[in-house]
N, C-alpha and C. Protein backbone atom coordinates (compact mmCIF):
# COMPACT_ATOMS: atom_id res chain seq x y z
N MET A 1 158.68 121.12 97.07
CA MET A 1 159.65 121.07 98.15
C MET A 1 160.62 119.93 97.85
N CYS A 2 161.90 120.22 97.91
CA CYS A 2 162.91 119.19 97.63
C CYS A 2 163.19 118.38 98.91
N PRO A 3 163.78 117.19 98.76
CA PRO A 3 164.05 116.34 99.93
C PRO A 3 164.85 117.05 101.03
N TYR A 4 165.80 117.91 100.65
CA TYR A 4 166.59 118.62 101.66
C TYR A 4 165.69 119.52 102.50
N GLN A 5 164.73 120.18 101.85
CA GLN A 5 163.81 121.06 102.59
C GLN A 5 162.91 120.26 103.52
N VAL A 6 162.48 119.08 103.07
CA VAL A 6 161.64 118.23 103.91
C VAL A 6 162.41 117.81 105.15
N GLN A 7 163.66 117.43 104.98
CA GLN A 7 164.49 117.03 106.12
C GLN A 7 164.62 118.19 107.12
N LYS A 8 164.86 119.39 106.63
CA LYS A 8 164.96 120.56 107.51
C LYS A 8 163.65 120.80 108.25
N LEU A 9 162.53 120.62 107.56
CA LEU A 9 161.22 120.80 108.18
C LEU A 9 161.01 119.78 109.30
N TRP A 10 161.35 118.52 109.06
CA TRP A 10 161.21 117.51 110.11
C TRP A 10 162.08 117.85 111.32
N GLN A 11 163.23 118.44 111.09
CA GLN A 11 164.13 118.78 112.20
C GLN A 11 163.56 119.87 113.09
N THR A 12 162.60 120.65 112.60
CA THR A 12 162.00 121.71 113.41
C THR A 12 160.79 121.22 114.20
N ALA A 13 160.33 120.01 113.90
CA ALA A 13 159.13 119.47 114.55
C ALA A 13 159.52 118.52 115.68
N ASP A 14 158.64 118.40 116.67
CA ASP A 14 158.86 117.47 117.78
C ASP A 14 158.11 116.16 117.57
N VAL A 15 156.96 116.26 116.91
CA VAL A 15 156.09 115.10 116.75
C VAL A 15 155.65 114.99 115.30
N CYS A 16 155.56 113.78 114.82
CA CYS A 16 155.04 113.49 113.48
C CYS A 16 153.77 112.67 113.66
N VAL A 17 152.64 113.21 113.24
CA VAL A 17 151.36 112.50 113.37
C VAL A 17 150.93 112.03 111.98
N LEU A 18 150.80 110.73 111.85
CA LEU A 18 150.37 110.13 110.59
C LEU A 18 149.22 109.18 110.86
N VAL A 19 148.09 109.45 110.26
CA VAL A 19 146.93 108.58 110.44
C VAL A 19 146.54 107.98 109.09
N SER A 20 146.36 106.70 109.07
CA SER A 20 146.01 106.00 107.85
C SER A 20 145.28 104.71 108.20
N GLU A 21 144.34 104.33 107.35
CA GLU A 21 143.68 103.03 107.53
C GLU A 21 144.51 101.93 106.89
N TYR A 22 145.21 102.27 105.82
CA TYR A 22 146.00 101.30 105.08
C TYR A 22 147.34 101.95 104.74
N GLU A 23 148.40 101.41 105.25
CA GLU A 23 149.71 102.00 105.00
C GLU A 23 150.75 100.91 105.13
N GLY A 24 151.69 100.91 104.22
CA GLY A 24 152.86 100.07 104.40
C GLY A 24 153.77 100.80 105.38
N THR A 25 155.04 100.63 105.23
CA THR A 25 155.97 101.38 106.05
C THR A 25 156.10 102.77 105.44
N SER A 26 155.63 103.76 106.13
CA SER A 26 155.58 105.13 105.62
C SER A 26 156.98 105.74 105.53
N VAL A 27 157.33 106.21 104.34
CA VAL A 27 158.61 106.88 104.15
C VAL A 27 158.64 108.16 104.99
N SER A 28 157.52 108.87 105.06
CA SER A 28 157.47 110.10 105.87
C SER A 28 157.76 109.80 107.34
N MET A 29 157.21 108.70 107.84
CA MET A 29 157.45 108.32 109.23
C MET A 29 158.93 108.05 109.44
N LEU A 30 159.56 107.32 108.53
CA LEU A 30 160.97 106.99 108.67
C LEU A 30 161.85 108.24 108.57
N GLU A 31 161.50 109.15 107.66
CA GLU A 31 162.24 110.41 107.54
C GLU A 31 162.11 111.23 108.81
N ALA A 32 160.91 111.28 109.35
CA ALA A 32 160.70 112.04 110.59
C ALA A 32 161.50 111.44 111.74
N MET A 33 161.48 110.13 111.84
CA MET A 33 162.24 109.47 112.91
C MET A 33 163.73 109.75 112.76
N ALA A 34 164.23 109.71 111.54
CA ALA A 34 165.65 109.97 111.29
C ALA A 34 166.04 111.39 111.70
N ALA A 35 165.07 112.30 111.63
CA ALA A 35 165.33 113.70 112.00
C ALA A 35 165.09 113.97 113.48
N GLY A 36 164.68 112.95 114.23
CA GLY A 36 164.47 113.12 115.66
C GLY A 36 163.04 113.36 116.10
N CYS A 37 162.10 113.27 115.17
CA CYS A 37 160.67 113.43 115.51
C CYS A 37 160.14 112.15 116.14
N VAL A 38 159.25 112.30 117.09
CA VAL A 38 158.57 111.16 117.69
C VAL A 38 157.33 110.86 116.84
N PRO A 39 157.23 109.66 116.27
CA PRO A 39 156.06 109.33 115.46
C PRO A 39 154.86 108.92 116.31
N VAL A 40 153.72 109.46 115.97
CA VAL A 40 152.44 109.05 116.56
C VAL A 40 151.59 108.63 115.37
N VAL A 41 151.35 107.33 115.26
CA VAL A 41 150.76 106.76 114.05
C VAL A 41 149.66 105.76 114.37
N THR A 42 148.82 105.49 113.37
CA THR A 42 147.84 104.43 113.54
C THR A 42 148.55 103.09 113.43
N LYS A 43 148.02 102.11 114.15
CA LYS A 43 148.64 100.79 114.18
C LYS A 43 148.16 99.98 112.97
N VAL A 44 148.90 100.09 111.88
CA VAL A 44 148.64 99.32 110.67
C VAL A 44 149.89 98.51 110.36
N SER A 45 149.82 97.68 109.35
CA SER A 45 150.88 96.70 109.11
C SER A 45 152.30 97.25 109.14
N GLY A 46 152.58 98.30 108.38
CA GLY A 46 153.94 98.82 108.31
C GLY A 46 154.41 99.47 109.59
N THR A 47 153.53 100.20 110.25
CA THR A 47 153.95 100.88 111.48
C THR A 47 154.14 99.88 112.62
N ALA A 48 153.34 98.83 112.63
CA ALA A 48 153.46 97.83 113.68
C ALA A 48 154.82 97.12 113.63
N ASP A 49 155.42 97.06 112.45
CA ASP A 49 156.73 96.42 112.31
C ASP A 49 157.87 97.31 112.78
N VAL A 50 157.65 98.62 112.81
CA VAL A 50 158.73 99.57 113.10
C VAL A 50 158.60 100.19 114.50
N ILE A 51 157.40 100.55 114.88
CA ILE A 51 157.20 101.29 116.13
C ILE A 51 157.06 100.35 117.32
N GLN A 52 157.87 100.60 118.33
CA GLN A 52 157.75 99.92 119.62
C GLN A 52 157.14 100.94 120.57
N PRO A 53 155.82 100.82 120.82
CA PRO A 53 155.12 101.84 121.60
C PRO A 53 155.82 102.19 122.91
N GLY A 54 156.00 103.49 123.11
CA GLY A 54 156.64 103.99 124.32
C GLY A 54 158.15 103.99 124.26
N ILE A 55 158.72 103.35 123.23
CA ILE A 55 160.17 103.29 123.11
C ILE A 55 160.65 104.21 121.99
N ASN A 56 160.09 104.01 120.79
CA ASN A 56 160.53 104.85 119.67
C ASN A 56 159.35 105.54 118.98
N GLY A 57 158.21 105.59 119.65
CA GLY A 57 157.03 106.25 119.10
C GLY A 57 155.78 105.76 119.80
N PHE A 58 154.63 106.13 119.24
CA PHE A 58 153.34 105.76 119.83
C PHE A 58 152.39 105.35 118.72
N THR A 59 151.53 104.39 119.02
CA THR A 59 150.54 103.94 118.05
C THR A 59 149.14 104.04 118.67
N GLY A 60 148.16 104.14 117.80
CA GLY A 60 146.77 104.15 118.23
C GLY A 60 145.96 103.35 117.23
N PRO A 61 144.77 102.94 117.61
CA PRO A 61 143.95 102.14 116.71
C PRO A 61 143.41 102.98 115.56
N VAL A 62 143.08 102.30 114.48
CA VAL A 62 142.41 102.97 113.36
C VAL A 62 140.97 103.21 113.76
N ALA A 63 140.52 104.45 113.68
CA ALA A 63 139.13 104.78 114.01
C ALA A 63 138.32 104.79 112.73
N ILE A 64 137.28 104.03 112.73
CA ILE A 64 136.43 103.96 111.53
C ILE A 64 135.08 104.56 111.82
């Protein structure tokens, strides 16, 4: 899938769910946000710097 197709796919979605125990700032999360998707992600270092819960997305704890 080329980047253009990925962008089109994000534009058809309402929510982007990304779960990770260890993640920097996820490129997929940023691409989804740029396309208008609401990110729902685990609260790890990179997402904590970008997501303001309830304002531009939602975070949850890492479940181990």
